[in-house]
Amino acid sequence: MAFVAAQAQLLLAVVGHNYPATNPAVAAGGFMFSGFHRRGLKRFDRIARFDNAFRMRNKYPSLDWLSVALACGYYDHQHFAKDCKELTHLTPTSYFEQESKSPERLFGLHED
């Protein structure tokens, strides 16, 4: 749950709270790939890759972090750890331990 809230905050920071209303290209029904949009798409891709890594680790807890990182498109463990620290302010292991104590995990709910 905390990860979802962190994702929402990051996306709002990238696109703003009233993004469609303030961007004439979007309000007019068009979509223009300016530098802002490319940065926003890169940020979204980074968050999605990070989310995939943790979903994989939740699904296969016996995998080590290097295997997960490489399978999700990271160059090495440090690349993954850097993204983890920047997005969650925790190391991958610390975040995984904290996330494993979330209500969803305690009630036995798992993502596919």
C-alpha atoms as a PDB file:
ATOM      1  CA  MET A   1       0.000   0.000   0.000  1.00  0.00           C
ATOM      2  CA  ALA A   2       2.827   2.360   0.813  1.00  0.00           C
ATOM      3  CA  PHE A   3       4.386   1.638  -2.579  1.00  0.00           C
ATOM      4  CA  VAL A   4       1.149   2.592  -4.355  1.00  0.00           C
ATOM      5  CA  ALA A   5       1.023   5.859  -2.420  1.00  0.00           C
ATOM      6  CA  ALA A   6       4.662   6.543  -3.309  1.00  0.00           C
ATOM      7  CA  GLN A   7       3.927   5.851  -6.990  1.00  0.00           C
ATOM      8  CA  ALA A   8       0.968   8.228  -6.926  1.00  0.00           C
ATOM      9  CA  GLN A   9       3.046  10.974  -5.348  1.00  0.00           C
ATOM     10  CA  LEU A  10       5.805  10.519  -7.920  1.00  0.00           C
ATOM     11  CA  LEU A  11       3.395  10.597 -10.836  1.00  0.00           C
ATOM     12  CA  LEU A  12       1.667  13.689  -9.476  1.00  0.00           C
ATOM     13  CA  ALA A  13       5.044  15.369  -9.077  1.00  0.00           C
ATOM     14  CA  VAL A  14       5.849  14.589 -12.710  1.00  0.00           C
ATOM     15  CA  VAL A  15       2.556  15.554 -14.348  1.00  0.00           C
ATOM     16  CA  GLY A  16       0.946  17.841 -11.776  1.00  0.00           C
ATOM     17  CA  HIS A  17      -2.449  17.693 -10.094  1.00  0.00           C
ATOM     18  CA  ASN A  18      -4.494  19.285 -12.869  1.00  0.00           C
ATOM     19  CA  TYR A  19      -2.358  18.207 -15.800  1.00  0.00           C
ATOM     20  CA  PRO A  20      -5.033  17.848 -18.533  1.00  0.00           C
ATOM     21  CA  ALA A  21      -6.580  21.218 -17.737  1.00  0.00           C
ATOM     22  CA  THR A  22      -3.281  23.110 -17.803  1.00  0.00           C
ATOM     23  CA  ASN A  23      -1.709  21.467 -20.846  1.00  0.00           C
ATOM     24  CA  PRO A  24      -3.292  22.801 -24.055  1.00  0.00           C
ATOM     25  CA  ALA A  25      -2.045  19.844 -26.105  1.00  0.00           C
ATOM     26  CA  VAL A  26      -3.889  17.397 -23.866  1.00  0.00           C
ATOM     27  CA  ALA A  27      -6.931  19.617 -23.280  1.00  0.00           C
ATOM     28  CA  ALA A  28      -7.366  19.978 -27.049  1.00  0.00           C
ATOM     29  CA  GLY A  29      -7.304  16.196 -27.446  1.00  0.00           C
ATOM     30  CA  GLY A  30      -3.777  16.014 -28.891  1.00  0.00           C
ATOM     31  CA  PHE A  31      -0.582  14.692 -27.439  1.00  0.00           C
ATOM     32  CA  MET A  32       2.723  16.396 -28.083  1.00  0.00           C
ATOM     33  CA  PHE A  33       6.044  14.782 -27.164  1.00  0.00           C
ATOM     34  CA  SER A  34       7.905  17.716 -25.708  1.00  0.00           C
ATOM     35  CA  GLY A  35      10.891  17.362 -23.393  1.00  0.00           C
ATOM     36  CA  PHE A  36       8.515  17.396 -20.420  1.00  0.00           C
ATOM     37  CA  HIS A  37       6.593  14.430 -21.743  1.00  0.00           C
ATOM     38  CA  ARG A  38       9.736  12.433 -22.458  1.00  0.00           C
ATOM     39  CA  ARG A  39      10.954  12.995 -18.914  1.00  0.00           C
ATOM     40  CA  GLY A  40       7.546  11.976 -17.590  1.00  0.00           C
ATOM     41  CA  LEU A  41       7.540   8.818 -19.701  1.00  0.00           C
ATOM     42  CA  LYS A  42      11.060   7.935 -18.592  1.00  0.00           C
ATOM     43  CA  ARG A  43      10.028   8.394 -14.962  1.00  0.00           C
ATOM     44  CA  PHE A  44       6.939   6.242 -15.488  1.00  0.00           C
ATOM     45  CA  ASP A  45       9.062   3.538 -17.161  1.00  0.00           C
ATOM     46  CA  ARG A  46      11.474   3.621 -14.218  1.00  0.00           C
ATOM     47  CA  ILE A  47       8.641   3.208 -11.700  1.00  0.00           C
ATOM     48  CA  ALA A  48       7.082   0.396 -13.745  1.00  0.00           C
ATOM     49  CA  ARG A  49      10.411  -1.474 -13.959  1.00  0.00           C
ATOM     50  CA  PHE A  50      10.894  -1.085 -10.204  1.00  0.00           C
ATOM     51  CA  ASP A  51       7.346  -2.322  -9.548  1.00  0.00           C
ATOM     52  CA  ASN A  52       7.943  -5.348 -11.792  1.00  0.00           C
ATOM     53  CA  ALA A  53      11.073  -6.210  -9.832  1.00  0.00           C
ATOM     54  CA  PHE A  54       9.205  -6.258  -6.523  1.00  0.00           C
ATOM     55  CA  ARG A  55       6.301  -8.187  -7.983  1.00  0.00           C
ATOM     56  CA  MET A  56       8.767 -10.783  -9.239  1.00  0.00           C
ATOM     57  CA  ARG A  57      10.464 -10.961  -5.836  1.00  0.00           C
ATOM     58  CA  ASN A  58       7.053 -11.373  -4.139  1.00  0.00           C
ATOM     59  CA  LYS A  59       6.135 -14.153  -6.553  1.00  0.00           C
ATOM     60  CA  TYR A  60       9.530 -15.910  -6.316  1.00  0.00           C
ATOM     61  CA  PRO A  61      10.983 -15.105  -2.864  1.00  0.00           C
ATOM     62  CA  SER A  62      13.796 -17.646  -3.298  1.00  0.00           C
ATOM     63  CA  LEU A  63      15.370 -15.561  -6.111  1.00  0.00           C
ATOM     64  CA  ASP A  64      18.298 -13.355  -5.186  1.00  0.00           C
ATOM     65  CA  TRP A  65      18.216  -9.616  -5.926  1.00  0.00           C
ATOM     66  CA  LEU A  66      20.721  -9.852  -8.784  1.00  0.00           C
ATOM     67  CA  SER A  67      18.565 -12.383 -10.665  1.00  0.00           C
ATOM     68  CA  VAL A  68      15.485 -10.224 -10.155  1.00  0.00           C
ATOM     69  CA  ALA A  69      17.304  -7.068 -11.248  1.00  0.00           C
ATOM     70  CA  LEU A  70      18.672  -8.642 -14.427  1.00  0.00           C
ATOM     71  CA  ALA A  71      15.319 -10.223 -15.322  1.00  0.00           C
ATOM     72  CA  CYS A  72      13.588  -6.843 -15.003  1.00  0.00           C
ATOM     73  CA  GLY A  73      15.977  -4.948 -17.244  1.00  0.00           C
ATOM     74  CA  TYR A  74      18.478  -3.497 -14.798  1.00  0.00           C
ATOM     75  CA  TYR A  75      22.169  -3.612 -15.749  1.00  0.00           C
ATOM     76  CA  ASP A  76      23.281  -4.858 -12.344  1.00  0.00           C
ATOM     77  CA  HIS A  77      22.304  -4.963  -8.681  1.00  0.00           C
ATOM     78  CA  GLN A  78      23.634  -1.454  -7.996  1.00  0.00           C
ATOM     79  CA  HIS A  79      21.437   0.010 -10.746  1.00  0.00           C
ATOM     80  CA  PHE A  80      18.413  -1.594  -9.101  1.00  0.00           C
ATOM     81  CA  ALA A  81      19.515  -0.581  -5.579  1.00  0.00           C
ATOM     82  CA  LYS A  82      19.961   3.038  -6.706  1.00  0.00           C
ATOM     83  CA  ASP A  83      16.421   3.158  -8.104  1.00  0.00           C
ATOM     84  CA  CYS A  84      15.100   1.538  -4.931  1.00  0.00           C
ATOM     85  CA  LYS A  85      16.819   4.083  -2.685  1.00  0.00           C
ATOM     86  CA  GLU A  86      15.641   7.011  -4.814  1.00  0.00           C
ATOM     87  CA  LEU A  87      12.034   5.813  -5.002  1.00  0.00           C
ATOM     88  CA  THR A  88      11.555   4.418  -1.476  1.00  0.00           C
ATOM     89  CA  HIS A  89      14.462   5.817   0.579  1.00  0.00           C
ATOM     90  CA  LEU A  90      15.224   2.225   1.634  1.00  0.00           C
ATOM     91  CA  THR A  91      17.498  -0.564   0.488  1.00  0.00           C
ATOM     92  CA  PRO A  92      15.803  -3.356  -1.500  1.00  0.00           C
ATOM     93  CA  THR A  93      15.974  -5.793   1.432  1.00  0.00           C
ATOM     94  CA  SER A  94      14.647  -3.222   3.938  1.00  0.00           C
ATOM     95  CA  TYR A  95      11.796  -2.289   1.623  1.00  0.00           C
ATOM     96  CA  PHE A  96      10.942  -5.944   0.940  1.00  0.00           C
ATOM     97  CA  GLU A  97      10.862  -6.682   4.685  1.00  0.00           C
ATOM     98  CA  GLN A  98       8.670  -3.651   5.380  1.00  0.00           C
ATOM     99  CA  GLU A  99       6.355  -4.451   2.470  1.00  0.00           C
ATOM    100  CA  SER A 100       6.036  -8.082   3.605  1.00  0.00           C
ATOM    101  CA  LYS A 101       4.441  -6.815   6.847  1.00  0.00           C
ATOM    102  CA  SER A 102       1.745  -4.879   4.972  1.00  0.00           C
ATOM    103  CA  PRO A 103      -1.936  -5.761   5.578  1.00  0.00           C
ATOM    104  CA  GLU A 104      -2.214  -7.327   2.126  1.00  0.00           C
ATOM    105  CA  ARG A 105       0.544  -9.813   2.941  1.00  0.00           C
ATOM    106  CA  LEU A 106      -0.730 -10.480   6.466  1.00  0.00           C
ATOM    107  CA  PHE A 107      -4.158 -11.399   5.061  1.00  0.00           C
ATOM    108  CA  GLY A 108      -2.576 -13.680   2.480  1.00  0.00           C
ATOM    109  CA  LEU A 109      -3.390 -11.515  -0.537  1.00  0.00           C
ATOM    110  CA  HIS A 110      -0.799 -11.870  -3.272  1.00  0.00           C
ATOM    111  CA  GLU A 111      -0.516 -10.294  -6.686  1.00  0.00           C
ATOM    112  CA  ASP A 112      -0.265 -12.431  -9.801  1.00  0.00           C
END
